[in-house]
Amino acid sequence: MLRGLSRAVGYLMLAGAFIAVVVDGTRSIAASSLVFTSLQGFLDRVAPAAVMGLRSSLLQVHALLWDPMATTILKAPLAAAFLVLGILFVAIAAGGREPAVGYAPRG
């Protein structure tokens, strides 16, 4: 069941990456220059308090987690972030071999 859920989330992330590429492509054509939607820009639109909550949580652990690491990840293009997460979830779903039901082992 978790494999199916992981696979579904992975494919939704891959579809989100494709949609982000199409949206960024149309914005780039309209602006006559290369335009990317960052992960932080997406999170600011979808959940405005998420970035500030993440910042306060990471600063409680260590300051280096926020400044060089999280800010770099949040500046990444949304399509790349969704692509990496989608591939990760699909790879997790395909991790192990399914048991061969109905076949007797040779030996």
PDB file of N, CA and C in Angstrom:
ATOM      1  N   MET A   1       0.814  -1.192   0.000  1.00  0.00           N
ATOM      2  CA  MET A   1       0.000   0.000   0.000  1.00  0.00           C
ATOM      3  C   MET A   1       0.861   1.261   0.000  1.00  0.00           C
ATOM      4  N   LEU A   2       1.921   1.232   0.804  1.00  0.00           N
ATOM      5  CA  LEU A   2       2.796   2.400   0.837  1.00  0.00           C
ATOM      6  C   LEU A   2       3.555   2.582  -0.472  1.00  0.00           C
ATOM      7  N   ARG A   3       3.842   1.459  -1.140  1.00  0.00           N
ATOM      8  CA  ARG A   3       4.487   1.578  -2.447  1.00  0.00           C
ATOM      9  C   ARG A   3       3.583   2.290  -3.447  1.00  0.00           C
ATOM     10  N   GLY A   4       2.314   1.916  -3.426  1.00  0.00           N
ATOM     11  CA  GLY A   4       1.364   2.557  -4.332  1.00  0.00           C
ATOM     12  C   GLY A   4       1.201   4.036  -4.033  1.00  0.00           C
ATOM     13  N   LEU A   5       1.144   4.367  -2.749  1.00  0.00           N
ATOM     14  CA  LEU A   5       1.042   5.770  -2.354  1.00  0.00           C
ATOM     15  C   LEU A   5       2.295   6.543  -2.747  1.00  0.00           C
ATOM     16  N   SER A   6       3.456   5.938  -2.520  1.00  0.00           N
ATOM     17  CA  SER A   6       4.712   6.592  -2.894  1.00  0.00           C
ATOM     18  C   SER A   6       4.804   6.784  -4.409  1.00  0.00           C
ATOM     19  N   ARG A   7       4.380   5.773  -5.150  1.00  0.00           N
ATOM     20  CA  ARG A   7       4.394   5.884  -6.613  1.00  0.00           C
ATOM     21  C   ARG A   7       3.438   6.970  -7.093  1.00  0.00           C
ATOM     22  N   ALA A   8       2.254   7.053  -6.484  1.00  0.00           N
ATOM     23  CA  ALA A   8       1.273   8.072  -6.875  1.00  0.00           C
ATOM     24  C   ALA A   8       1.795   9.478  -6.563  1.00  0.00           C
ATOM     25  N   VAL A   9       2.379   9.643  -5.380  1.00  0.00           N
ATOM     26  CA  VAL A   9       2.941  10.955  -5.025  1.00  0.00           C
ATOM     27  C   VAL A   9       4.093  11.300  -5.971  1.00  0.00           C
ATOM     28  N   GLY A  10       4.902  10.321  -6.314  1.00  0.00           N
ATOM     29  CA  GLY A  10       6.008  10.555  -7.239  1.00  0.00           C
ATOM     30  C   GLY A  10       5.536  10.996  -8.617  1.00  0.00           C
ATOM     31  N   TYR A  11       4.526  10.325  -9.123  1.00  0.00           N
ATOM     32  CA  TYR A  11       4.001  10.709 -10.436  1.00  0.00           C
ATOM     33  C   TYR A  11       3.315  12.075 -10.394  1.00  0.00           C
ATOM     34  N   LEU A  12       2.667  12.394  -9.278  1.00  0.00           N
ATOM     35  CA  LEU A  12       2.089  13.736  -9.142  1.00  0.00           C
ATOM     36  C   LEU A  12       3.180  14.807  -9.105  1.00  0.00           C
ATOM     37  N   MET A  13       4.282  14.499  -8.439  1.00  0.00           N
ATOM     38  CA  MET A  13       5.410  15.439  -8.421  1.00  0.00           C
ATOM     39  C   MET A  13       6.003  15.608  -9.816  1.00  0.00           C
ATOM     40  N   LEU A  14       6.127  14.521 -10.564  1.00  0.00           N
ATOM     41  CA  LEU A  14       6.639  14.618 -11.928  1.00  0.00           C
ATOM     42  C   LEU A  14       5.688  15.415 -12.819  1.00  0.00           C
ATOM     43  N   ALA A  15       4.387  15.233 -12.618  1.00  0.00           N
ATOM     44  CA  ALA A  15       3.417  16.028 -13.371  1.00  0.00           C
ATOM     45  C   ALA A  15       3.519  17.499 -12.972  1.00  0.00           C
ATOM     46  N   GLY A  16       3.732  17.765 -11.683  1.00  0.00           N
ATOM     47  CA  GLY A  16       3.927  19.138 -11.226  1.00  0.00           C
ATOM     48  C   GLY A  16       5.176  19.766 -11.828  1.00  0.00           C
ATOM     49  N   ALA A  17       6.235  18.966 -11.992  1.00  0.00           N
ATOM     50  CA  ALA A  17       7.459  19.473 -12.632  1.00  0.00           C
ATOM     51  C   ALA A  17       7.185  19.848 -14.082  1.00  0.00           C
ATOM     52  N   PHE A  18       6.411  19.015 -14.774  1.00  0.00           N
ATOM     53  CA  PHE A  18       6.072  19.329 -16.165  1.00  0.00           C
ATOM     54  C   PHE A  18       5.236  20.601 -16.252  1.00  0.00           C
ATOM     55  N   ILE A  19       4.274  20.742 -15.357  1.00  0.00           N
ATOM     56  CA  ILE A  19       3.438  21.952 -15.347  1.00  0.00           C
ATOM     57  C   ILE A  19       4.285  23.181 -15.044  1.00  0.00           C
ATOM     58  N   ALA A  20       5.235  23.056 -14.116  1.00  0.00           N
ATOM     59  CA  ALA A  20       6.108  24.182 -13.788  1.00  0.00           C
ATOM     60  C   ALA A  20       6.978  24.574 -14.976  1.00  0.00           C
ATOM     61  N   VAL A  21       7.436  23.588 -15.739  1.00  0.00           N
ATOM     62  CA  VAL A  21       8.228  23.885 -16.943  1.00  0.00           C
ATOM     63  C   VAL A  21       7.384  24.630 -17.970  1.00  0.00           C
ATOM     64  N   VAL A  22       6.135  24.191 -18.145  1.00  0.00           N
ATOM     65  CA  VAL A  22       5.258  24.852 -19.113  1.00  0.00           C
ATOM     66  C   VAL A  22       4.956  26.287 -18.676  1.00  0.00           C
ATOM     67  N   VAL A  23       4.644  26.480 -17.394  1.00  0.00           N
ATOM     68  CA  VAL A  23       4.346  27.831 -16.890  1.00  0.00           C
ATOM     69  C   VAL A  23       5.575  28.730 -17.010  1.00  0.00           C
ATOM     70  N   ASP A  24       6.744  28.227 -16.620  1.00  0.00           N
ATOM     71  CA  ASP A  24       7.967  29.024 -16.741  1.00  0.00           C
ATOM     72  C   ASP A  24       8.306  29.300 -18.207  1.00  0.00           C
ATOM     73  N   GLY A  25       8.003  28.348 -19.067  1.00  0.00           N
ATOM     74  CA  GLY A  25       8.250  28.564 -20.495  1.00  0.00           C
ATOM     75  C   GLY A  25       7.371  29.665 -21.075  1.00  0.00           C
ATOM     76  N   THR A  26       6.104  29.672 -20.703  1.00  0.00           N
ATOM     77  CA  THR A  26       5.224  30.727 -21.212  1.00  0.00           C
ATOM     78  C   THR A  26       5.604  32.089 -20.633  1.00  0.00           C
ATOM     79  N   ARG A  27       6.009  32.113 -19.364  1.00  0.00           N
ATOM     80  CA  ARG A  27       6.472  33.388 -18.796  1.00  0.00           C
ATOM     81  C   ARG A  27       7.759  33.860 -19.458  1.00  0.00           C
ATOM     82  N   SER A  28       8.631  32.930 -19.789  1.00  0.00           N
ATOM     83  CA  SER A  28       9.880  33.290 -20.459  1.00  0.00           C
ATOM     84  C   SER A  28       9.615  33.837 -21.855  1.00  0.00           C
ATOM     85  N   ILE A  29       8.672  33.245 -22.555  1.00  0.00           N
ATOM     86  CA  ILE A  29       8.329  33.742 -23.896  1.00  0.00           C
ATOM     87  C   ILE A  29       7.715  35.128 -23.793  1.00  0.00           C
ATOM     88  N   ALA A  30       6.849  35.332 -22.819  1.00  0.00           N
ATOM     89  CA  ALA A  30       6.208  36.638 -22.667  1.00  0.00           C
ATOM     90  C   ALA A  30       7.194  37.712 -22.241  1.00  0.00           C
ATOM     91  N   ALA A  31       8.183  37.350 -21.444  1.00  0.00           N
ATOM     92  CA  ALA A  31       9.145  38.334 -20.944  1.00  0.00           C
ATOM     93  C   ALA A  31      10.357  38.479 -21.863  1.00  0.00           C
ATOM     94  N   SER A  32      10.482  37.638 -22.853  1.00  0.00           N
ATOM     95  CA  SER A  32      11.618  37.629 -23.779  1.00  0.00           C
ATOM     96  C   SER A  32      12.942  37.436 -23.046  1.00  0.00           C
ATOM     97  N   SER A  33      12.897  36.757 -21.935  1.00  0.00           N
ATOM     98  CA  SER A  33      14.102  36.382 -21.201  1.00  0.00           C
ATOM     99  C   SER A  33      13.759  35.156 -20.358  1.00  0.00           C
ATOM    100  N   LEU A  34      14.803  34.495 -19.872  1.00  0.00           N
ATOM    101  CA  LEU A  34      14.600  33.275 -19.113  1.00  0.00           C
ATOM    102  C   LEU A  34      14.060  33.594 -17.723  1.00  0.00           C
ATOM    103  N   VAL A  35      12.890  33.030 -17.386  1.00  0.00           N
ATOM    104  CA  VAL A  35      12.233  33.279 -16.103  1.00  0.00           C
ATOM    105  C   VAL A  35      11.957  31.941 -15.430  1.00  0.00           C
ATOM    106  N   PHE A  36      12.375  31.815 -14.166  1.00  0.00           N
ATOM    107  CA  PHE A  36      12.110  30.619 -13.383  1.00  0.00           C
ATOM    108  C   PHE A  36      11.302  30.980 -12.156  1.00  0.00           C
ATOM    109  N   THR A  37      10.402  30.095 -11.765  1.00  0.00           N
ATOM    110  CA  THR A  37       9.705  30.219 -10.495  1.00  0.00           C
ATOM    111  C   THR A  37      10.526  29.471  -9.456  1.00  0.00           C
ATOM    112  N   SER A  38      10.949  30.163  -8.411  1.00  0.00           N
ATOM    113  CA  SER A  38      11.749  29.505  -7.385  1.00  0.00           C
ATOM    114  C   SER A  38      10.851  28.729  -6.433  1.00  0.00           C
ATOM    115  N   LEU A  39      11.463  27.828  -5.710  1.00  0.00           N
ATOM    116  CA  LEU A  39      10.722  27.056  -4.716  1.00  0.00           C
ATOM    117  C   LEU A  39      10.187  27.981  -3.627  1.00  0.00           C
ATOM    118  N   GLN A  40      10.958  28.990  -3.247  1.00  0.00           N
ATOM    119  CA  GLN A  40      10.506  29.940  -2.233  1.00  0.00           C
ATOM    120  C   GLN A  40       9.335  30.767  -2.746  1.00  0.00           C
ATOM    121  N   GLY A  41       9.374  31.184  -3.999  1.00  0.00           N
ATOM    122  CA  GLY A  41       8.252  31.930  -4.568  1.00  0.00           C
ATOM    123  C   GLY A  41       6.975  31.108  -4.592  1.00  0.00           C
ATOM    124  N   PHE A  42       7.101  29.833  -4.912  1.00  0.00           N
ATOM    125  CA  PHE A  42       5.942  28.943  -4.894  1.00  0.00           C
ATOM    126  C   PHE A  42       5.399  28.785  -3.482  1.00  0.00           C
ATOM    127  N   LEU A  43       6.286  28.558  -2.514  1.00  0.00           N
ATOM    128  CA  LEU A  43       5.842  28.391  -1.134  1.00  0.00           C
ATOM    129  C   LEU A  43       5.242  29.672  -0.571  1.00  0.00           C
ATOM    130  N   ASP A  44       5.767  30.819  -0.994  1.00  0.00           N
ATOM    131  CA  ASP A  44       5.195  32.085  -0.534  1.00  0.00           C
ATOM    132  C   ASP A  44       3.760  32.259  -1.028  1.00  0.00           C
ATOM    133  N   ARG A  45       3.477  31.760  -2.240  1.00  0.00           N
ATOM    134  CA  ARG A  45       2.122  31.866  -2.773  1.00  0.00           C
ATOM    135  C   ARG A  45       1.181  30.836  -2.163  1.00  0.00           C
ATOM    136  N   VAL A  46       1.667  29.615  -1.963  1.00  0.00           N
ATOM    137  CA  VAL A  46       0.814  28.527  -1.494  1.00  0.00           C
ATOM    138  C   VAL A  46       0.629  28.571   0.023  1.00  0.00           C
ATOM    139  N   ALA A  47       1.720  28.698   0.754  1.00  0.00           N
ATOM    140  CA  ALA A  47       1.676  28.710   2.226  1.00  0.00           C
ATOM    141  C   ALA A  47       2.611  29.806   2.724  1.00  0.00           C
ATOM    142  N   PRO A  48       2.115  31.016   2.895  1.00  0.00           N
ATOM    143  CA  PRO A  48       2.992  32.143   3.236  1.00  0.00           C
ATOM    144  C   PRO A  48       3.783  31.966   4.530  1.00  0.00           C
ATOM    145  N   ALA A  49       3.264  31.256   5.494  1.00  0.00           N
ATOM    146  CA  ALA A  49       3.968  31.107   6.771  1.00  0.00           C
ATOM    147  C   ALA A  49       4.957  29.945   6.771  1.00  0.00           C
ATOM    148  N   ALA A  50       4.996  29.158   5.716  1.00  0.00           N
ATOM    149  CA  ALA A  50       5.832  27.967   5.701  1.00  0.00           C
ATOM    150  C   ALA A  50       7.323  28.303   5.729  1.00  0.00           C
ATOM    151  N   VAL A  51       7.728  29.295   4.964  1.00  0.00           N
ATOM    152  CA  VAL A  51       9.148  29.644   4.898  1.00  0.00           C
ATOM    153  C   VAL A  51       9.618  30.216   6.235  1.00  0.00           C
ATOM    154  N   MET A  52       8.791  31.042   6.850  1.00  0.00           N
ATOM    155  CA  MET A  52       9.179  31.609   8.145  1.00  0.00           C
ATOM    156  C   MET A  52       9.212  30.525   9.224  1.00  0.00           C
ATOM    157  N   GLY A  53       8.305  29.590   9.181  1.00  0.00           N
ATOM    158  CA  GLY A  53       8.322  28.467  10.127  1.00  0.00           C
ATOM    159  C   GLY A  53       9.543  27.585   9.935  1.00  0.00           C
ATOM    160  N   LEU A  54       9.893  27.329   8.672  1.00  0.00           N
ATOM    161  CA  LEU A  54      11.091  26.555   8.368  1.00  0.00           C
ATOM    162  C   LEU A  54      12.336  27.288   8.851  1.00  0.00           C
ATOM    163  N   ARG A  55      12.358  28.597   8.637  1.00  0.00           N
ATOM    164  CA  ARG A  55      13.510  29.401   9.061  1.00  0.00           C
ATOM    165  C   ARG A  55      13.695  29.348  10.569  1.00  0.00           C
ATOM    166  N   SER A  56      12.611  29.537  11.308  1.00  0.00           N
ATOM    167  CA  SER A  56      12.732  29.526  12.767  1.00  0.00           C
ATOM    168  C   SER A  56      13.111  28.137  13.280  1.00  0.00           C
ATOM    169  N   SER A  57      12.597  27.087  12.661  1.00  0.00           N
ATOM    170  CA  SER A  57      12.943  25.727  13.084  1.00  0.00           C
ATOM    171  C   SER A  57      14.411  25.416  12.830  1.00  0.00           C
ATOM    172  N   LEU A  58      14.914  25.804  11.658  1.00  0.00           N
ATOM    173  CA  LEU A  58      16.306  25.519  11.340  1.00  0.00           C
ATOM    174  C   LEU A  58      17.269  26.371  12.144  1.00  0.00           C
ATOM    175  N   LEU A  59      16.889  27.606  12.447  1.00  0.00           N
ATOM    176  CA  LEU A  59      17.756  28.456  13.260  1.00  0.00           C
ATOM    177  C   LEU A  59      17.847  27.963  14.694  1.00  0.00           C
ATOM    178  N   GLN A  60      16.832  27.270  15.177  1.00  0.00           N
ATOM    179  CA  GLN A  60      16.906  26.691  16.515  1.00  0.00           C
ATOM    180  C   GLN A  60      17.917  25.551  16.568  1.00  0.00           C
ATOM    181  N   VAL A  61      18.058  24.820  15.469  1.00  0.00           N
ATOM    182  CA  VAL A  61      19.007  23.713  15.435  1.00  0.00           C
ATOM    183  C   VAL A  61      20.424  24.245  15.245  1.00  0.00           C
ATOM    184  N   HIS A  62      20.654  24.953  14.123  1.00  0.00           N
ATOM    185  CA  HIS A  62      21.963  25.546  13.852  1.00  0.00           C
ATOM    186  C   HIS A  62      21.798  26.590  12.767  1.00  0.00           C
ATOM    187  N   ALA A  63      22.542  27.678  12.880  1.00  0.00           N
ATOM    188  CA  ALA A  63      22.414  28.785  11.926  1.00  0.00           C
ATOM    189  C   ALA A  63      22.877  28.405  10.525  1.00  0.00           C
ATOM    190  N   LEU A  64      23.824  27.476  10.426  1.00  0.00           N
ATOM    191  CA  LEU A  64      24.319  27.078   9.105  1.00  0.00           C
ATOM    192  C   LEU A  64      23.288  26.288   8.308  1.00  0.00           C
ATOM    193  N   LEU A  65      22.335  25.695   8.986  1.00  0.00           N
ATOM    194  CA  LEU A  65      21.293  24.969   8.259  1.00  0.00           C
ATOM    195  C   LEU A  65      20.400  25.920   7.467  1.00  0.00           C
ATOM    196  N   TRP A  66      20.197  27.122   7.988  1.00  0.00           N
ATOM    197  CA  TRP A  66      19.344  28.071   7.284  1.00  0.00           C
ATOM    198  C   TRP A  66      20.110  28.820   6.206  1.00  0.00           C
ATOM    199  N   ASP A  67      21.199  29.505   6.605  1.00  0.00           N
ATOM    200  CA  ASP A  67      21.806  30.455   5.679  1.00  0.00           C
ATOM    201  C   ASP A  67      22.426  29.817   4.444  1.00  0.00           C
ATOM    202  N   PRO A  68      23.398  28.964   4.500  1.00  0.00           N
ATOM    203  CA  PRO A  68      23.879  28.476   3.211  1.00  0.00           C
ATOM    204  C   PRO A  68      23.039  27.348   2.621  1.00  0.00           C
ATOM    205  N   MET A  69      22.459  26.502   3.460  1.00  0.00           N
ATOM    206  CA  MET A  69      21.804  25.309   2.921  1.00  0.00           C
ATOM    207  C   MET A  69      20.367  25.556   2.470  1.00  0.00           C
ATOM    208  N   ALA A  70      19.513  25.967   3.382  1.00  0.00           N
ATOM    209  CA  ALA A  70      18.090  26.111   3.046  1.00  0.00           C
ATOM    210  C   ALA A  70      17.850  27.242   2.055  1.00  0.00           C
ATOM    211  N   THR A  71      18.593  28.330   2.170  1.00  0.00           N
ATOM    212  CA  THR A  71      18.390  29.432   1.220  1.00  0.00           C
ATOM    213  C   THR A  71      18.795  29.022  -0.189  1.00  0.00           C
ATOM    214  N   THR A  72      19.823  28.186  -0.300  1.00  0.00           N
ATOM    215  CA  THR A  72      20.229  27.697  -1.625  1.00  0.00           C
ATOM    216  C   THR A  72      19.167  26.785  -2.207  1.00  0.00           C
ATOM    217  N   ILE A  73      18.604  25.909  -1.393  1.00  0.00           N
ATOM    218  CA  ILE A  73      17.560  24.995  -1.870  1.00  0.00           C
ATOM    219  C   ILE A  73      16.304  25.769  -2.249  1.00  0.00           C
ATOM    220  N   LEU A  74      15.968  26.797  -1.468  1.00  0.00           N
ATOM    221  CA  LEU A  74      14.764  27.576  -1.760  1.00  0.00           C
ATOM    222  C   LEU A  74      14.913  28.432  -3.018  1.00  0.00           C
ATOM    223  N   LYS A  75      16.125  28.705  -3.445  1.00  0.00           N
ATOM    224  CA  LYS A  75      16.343  29.462  -4.674  1.00  0.00           C
ATOM    225  C   LYS A  75      16.283  28.587  -5.928  1.00  0.00           C
ATOM    226  N   ALA A  76      16.227  27.279  -5.737  1.00  0.00           N
ATOM    227  CA  ALA A  76      16.198  26.344  -6.864  1.00  0.00           C
ATOM    228  C   ALA A  76      14.896  26.510  -7.653  1.00  0.00           C
ATOM    229  N   PRO A  77      14.952  26.260  -8.963  1.00  0.00           N
ATOM    230  CA  PRO A  77      13.717  26.311  -9.749  1.00  0.00           C
ATOM    231  C   PRO A  77      12.709  25.274  -9.277  1.00  0.00           C
ATOM    232  N   LEU A  78      11.462  25.644  -9.304  1.00  0.00           N
ATOM    233  CA  LEU A  78      10.385  24.772  -8.836  1.00  0.00           C
ATOM    234  C   LEU A  78      10.341  23.475  -9.636  1.00  0.00           C
ATOM    235  N   ALA A  79      10.555  23.557 -10.935  1.00  0.00           N
ATOM    236  CA  ALA A  79      10.509  22.360 -11.771  1.00  0.00           C
ATOM    237  C   ALA A  79      11.605  21.380 -11.368  1.00  0.00           C
ATOM    238  N   ALA A  80      12.788  21.871 -11.052  1.00  0.00           N
ATOM    239  CA  ALA A  80      13.882  20.990 -10.640  1.00  0.00           C
ATOM    240  C   ALA A  80      13.586  20.340  -9.294  1.00  0.00           C
ATOM    241  N   ALA A  81      13.019  21.101  -8.376  1.00  0.00           N
ATOM    242  CA  ALA A  81      12.683  20.553  -7.059  1.00  0.00           C
ATOM    243  C   ALA A  81      11.623  19.466  -7.183  1.00  0.00           C
ATOM    244  N   PHE A  82      10.581  19.720  -7.967  1.00  0.00           N
ATOM    245  CA  PHE A  82       9.542  18.707  -8.159  1.00  0.00           C
ATOM    246  C   PHE A  82      10.096  17.484  -8.887  1.00  0.00           C
ATOM    247  N   LEU A  83      10.996  17.700  -9.832  1.00  0.00           N
ATOM    248  CA  LEU A  83      11.582  16.593 -10.581  1.00  0.00           C
ATOM    249  C   LEU A  83      12.396  15.693  -9.658  1.00  0.00           C
ATOM    250  N   VAL A  84      13.225  16.281  -8.817  1.00  0.00           N
ATOM    251  CA  VAL A  84      14.050  15.491  -7.896  1.00  0.00           C
ATOM    252  C   VAL A  84      13.173  14.731  -6.905  1.00  0.00           C
ATOM    253  N   LEU A  85      12.176  15.407  -6.345  1.00  0.00           N
ATOM    254  CA  LEU A  85      11.282  14.734  -5.397  1.00  0.00           C
ATOM    255  C   LEU A  85      10.475  13.629  -6.073  1.00  0.00           C
ATOM    256  N   GLY A  86      10.011  13.879  -7.289  1.00  0.00           N
ATOM    257  CA  GLY A  86       9.247  12.868  -8.014  1.00  0.00           C
ATOM    258  C   GLY A  86      10.066  11.635  -8.313  1.00  0.00           C
ATOM    259  N   ILE A  87      11.297  11.830  -8.766  1.00  0.00           N
ATOM    260  CA  ILE A  87      12.182  10.696  -9.040  1.00  0.00           C
ATOM    261  C   ILE A  87      12.485   9.940  -7.759  1.00  0.00           C
ATOM    262  N   LEU A  88      12.679  10.663  -6.670  1.00  0.00           N
ATOM    263  CA  LEU A  88      12.956  10.027  -5.385  1.00  0.00           C
ATOM    264  C   LEU A  88      11.776   9.160  -4.933  1.00  0.00           C
ATOM    265  N   PHE A  89      10.563   9.680  -5.018  1.00  0.00           N
ATOM    266  CA  PHE A  89       9.395   8.906  -4.592  1.00  0.00           C
ATOM    267  C   PHE A  89       9.147   7.703  -5.490  1.00  0.00           C
ATOM    268  N   VAL A  90       9.350   7.839  -6.791  1.00  0.00           N
ATOM    269  CA  VAL A  90       9.162   6.702  -7.695  1.00  0.00           C
ATOM    270  C   VAL A  90      10.247   5.658  -7.453  1.00  0.00           C
ATOM    271  N   ALA A  91      11.468   6.100  -7.168  1.00  0.00           N
ATOM    272  CA  ALA A  91      12.542   5.148  -6.879  1.00  0.00           C
ATOM    273  C   ALA A  91      12.290   4.410  -5.573  1.00  0.00           C
ATOM    274  N   ILE A  92      11.737   5.100  -4.589  1.00  0.00           N
ATOM    275  CA  ILE A  92      11.392   4.435  -3.327  1.00  0.00           C
ATOM    276  C   ILE A  92      10.316   3.383  -3.569  1.00  0.00           C
ATOM    277  N   ALA A  93       9.361   3.692  -4.430  1.00  0.00           N
ATOM    278  CA  ALA A  93       8.275   2.744  -4.712  1.00  0.00           C
ATOM    279  C   ALA A  93       8.782   1.511  -5.445  1.00  0.00           C
ATOM    280  N   ALA A  94       9.813   1.664  -6.248  1.00  0.00           N
ATOM    281  CA  ALA A  94      10.332   0.533  -7.014  1.00  0.00           C
ATOM    282  C   ALA A  94      11.509  -0.121  -6.317  1.00  0.00           C
ATOM    283  N   GLY A  95      11.713   0.181  -5.054  1.00  0.00           N
ATOM    284  CA  GLY A  95      12.886  -0.259  -4.308  1.00  0.00           C
ATOM    285  C   GLY A  95      13.123  -1.746  -4.279  1.00  0.00           C
ATOM    286  N   GLY A  96      12.228  -2.517  -3.766  1.00  0.00           N
ATOM    287  CA  GLY A  96      12.457  -3.946  -3.621  1.00  0.00           C
ATOM    288  C   GLY A  96      11.730  -4.756  -4.671  1.00  0.00           C
ATOM    289  N   ARG A  97      12.163  -5.983  -4.804  1.00  0.00           N
ATOM    290  CA  ARG A  97      11.464  -6.866  -5.729  1.00  0.00           C
ATOM    291  C   ARG A  97      10.202  -7.372  -5.067  1.00  0.00           C
ATOM    292  N   GLU A  98       9.172  -7.510  -5.840  1.00  0.00           N
ATOM    293  CA  GLU A  98       7.932  -8.054  -5.303  1.00  0.00           C
ATOM    294  C   GLU A  98       8.093  -9.568  -5.168  1.00  0.00           C
ATOM    295  N   PRO A  99       7.521 -10.146  -4.131  1.00  0.00           N
ATOM    296  CA  PRO A  99       7.663 -11.590  -3.944  1.00  0.00           C
ATOM    297  C   PRO A  99       6.993 -12.360  -5.080  1.00  0.00           C
ATOM    298  N   ALA A 100       7.633 -13.426  -5.471  1.00  0.00           N
ATOM    299  CA  ALA A 100       7.103 -14.261  -6.531  1.00  0.00           C
ATOM    300  C   ALA A 100       6.081 -15.212  -5.930  1.00  0.00           C
ATOM    301  N   VAL A 101       4.833 -14.870  -6.052  1.00  0.00           N
ATOM    302  CA  VAL A 101       3.764 -15.675  -5.481  1.00  0.00           C
ATOM    303  C   VAL A 101       3.379 -16.741  -6.504  1.00  0.00           C
ATOM    304  N   GLY A 102       3.298 -17.966  -6.038  1.00  0.00           N
ATOM    305  CA  GLY A 102       2.878 -19.054  -6.927  1.00  0.00           C
ATOM    306  C   GLY A 102       4.021 -19.813  -7.567  1.00  0.00           C
ATOM    307  N   TYR A 103       5.254 -19.394  -7.307  1.00  0.00           N
ATOM    308  CA  TYR A 103       6.398 -20.083  -7.880  1.00  0.00           C
ATOM    309  C   TYR A 103       7.184 -20.740  -6.753  1.00  0.00           C
ATOM    310  N   ALA A 104       7.478 -22.019  -6.936  1.00  0.00           N
ATOM    311  CA  ALA A 104       8.263 -22.748  -5.943  1.00  0.00           C
ATOM    312  C   ALA A 104       9.740 -22.488  -6.203  1.00  0.00           C
ATOM    313  N   PRO A 105      10.508 -22.207  -5.157  1.00  0.00           N
ATOM    314  CA  PRO A 105      11.942 -21.982  -5.364  1.00  0.00           C
ATOM    315  C   PRO A 105      12.634 -23.279  -5.798  1.00  0.00           C
ATOM    316  N   ARG A 106      13.583 -23.139  -6.689  1.00  0.00           N
ATOM    317  CA  ARG A 106      14.341 -24.301  -7.142  1.00  0.00           C
ATOM    318  C   ARG A 106      15.417 -24.607  -6.116  1.00  0.00           C
ATOM    319  N   GLY A 107      15.667 -25.813  -5.985  1.00  0.00           N
ATOM    320  CA  GLY A 107      16.750 -26.052  -5.063  1.00  0.00           C
ATOM    321  C   GLY A 107      16.789 -27.403  -4.575  1.00  0.00           C
TER     322      GLY A 107
END
